[in-house]
Amino acid sequence: MPLALGTFIVPLIVACAMFMENVDGTVLVTSLPVLARDLGHDPVTLKLAVTSYVIGLGVFIPICGWVADRFGSRTVFRTAIGIFMAGSLMCAVSTSLVTLVIARFIQGIGGAMMVPVGRIIIFRSVPKSDFIRAVNYLTVPALLGPVVGPPIGGFITTYLHWRLIFFVNIPIGILGIWLANRYIQNVREADPGPLDWLGFVLSAGGASLFMLGLSMVGGELVSNVVSVGMCVVGVALLAMYAWYASRVERPVLDLRLLKIPSFHASVAGGSLFRIGLGAVPFLLPLALQEGLGMTAFAAGSITCASAFGSIFMKAAASRILHRFGYRTVLMVNAALAGIVIAGYGLFFPGTPLWLIWIVVLVGGFFPSLQFTSLNSLAYADIDSRDVGRATSVASVIQQLSLGLGVTIAGIVLQISHQTQGHSTFVWTDFWPAFLAVGLLTFASIPVTARLPHNAGDELARGGRGDATINRDTGKAAAEATQPDA
């Protein structure tokens, strides 16, 4: 394959996978109210369809690099696309919430391998001199997915049938597999070394049980006793993993990295912020449809405004960080984001559509700036030899935090609905949920306030973070999951 063609075609193949995954998530949340009614559940119960995917994605991310080294990057990439497509088809034919949750979990497993392994392929296939240009190609699907996903999902749900939304990514997946067979080499490591299977089982099992148990509290699938029991077992497994990880040399998730102040602020403070923001893609379309009576298409046309806000902010993020520094930006921006999120709860049936669209557009500015700041600050004080392990820890906690936000928002919404005694969801049921998740973004401020005033200055104002990209950092970036949406 000619060098120039490889620099273009390999990132394009990975971009197909990223676009498929980004569109799938945003298409689904717009369709949840209609989907819930067809399956015979209230819309809030469908939060399980969102969290099950995040769980599958989060718990399998740490092993994707080892699996690619062991079985070959092309083999794993093709298999991951196939798993993701199989999960999509299972979603399309699901006739119950249980089968839908299982299908979404399978999709999450495919997504956990698909995008990170795709970035590893880019790292191994593209010349170092073209690496930045190749990675830049990947920003296109990451930006376009949240823009086109909600309107597409809303249109299909409103004018066709929700089951068809899961067929949107099938042609893209088939194209990705065909291109991978043709243009990607099946590179593998001769000796990938051992995998920390015990650590993986403890961490994955604990996180899955805790997240699923919490998601099912007050739901219709299992009793609260079973839900709480799952949470207790999950916490116990996670505690066992924390004890175990402190006593082995290379655990699957090295929690000792959290002792580094900048990394701790990025991950711990960022998690509180992500819990708040993670609820918005689930809660806002639900409020627009169930609370304000919009169609799925109208709701999707509004929620995509936040993606436009995100795009606009990305162009200015580096200049803002250069001007004010990480600590100030993270604190002030978290407060502004919290205010806007809480403000979503003030929408009422007579609110002009143009005003809702503008508020949602502005609401996209702050998460974009915060995620850019958090993701770069995480590596400010990480040694190059630890970048890969830091990426695994940060990626897993990021994904699980986003899922936890959906769960918390759903619980608060259910409590508000039951307390107010409405037979169906109305617009006044939603403001407590928006207020709660907005306050969670404020909760990140005390964590970031402990940062030194000059934290991350080498990255924000010119230094080693911007000047060079070594191969360790490049590989770590390749192993990371996609940016937060």
Foldseek 3Di string as FASTA:
>chain_A
DDQVVLLPLLLVLLLLVLLLVLLLLLLVLLQQCVVQVQLPHHSLLLLLLVLLLLLLQQLQLLCLVLVCQVFFLLVQQLVLLVQLLVLLLQCLPDNHSVSSSVSSSSNSNSQSNHNLSSLLQLLVRHDPVSSVVSVVSNVVSVLVSLQPNQLVSLCCVQPNNNSCSSVPSVVSSVVSNVSSVVRTDRDHHPDSDDAQVLLSCLQSQLLVLQLSLLLCQVHDPDYVVSSVVSNVVSVVSVVVSVVVLVPDDDHSANPVLCVPQLLVLLQVLVLLLLLLVLQCSNQQSCCCCFAQPDGSNLSSNQLSLLSVLLVVLVVCLLVVCQVQNLLVLLQVLLLVLLVLLLVSLVDHNVDDSVVSSVSSNPNSNSVNSNLVSSVLSNCLPDDLVCLQSSLSNRQSSSSSSSSNSSSQLSVQLVVLCVVVPDPGDHSNSRSRSSNVSSVSSNVSNVSSNPDPSCRPVCPSNPHDSPPDDDSSNSSSVSSHRDGDD
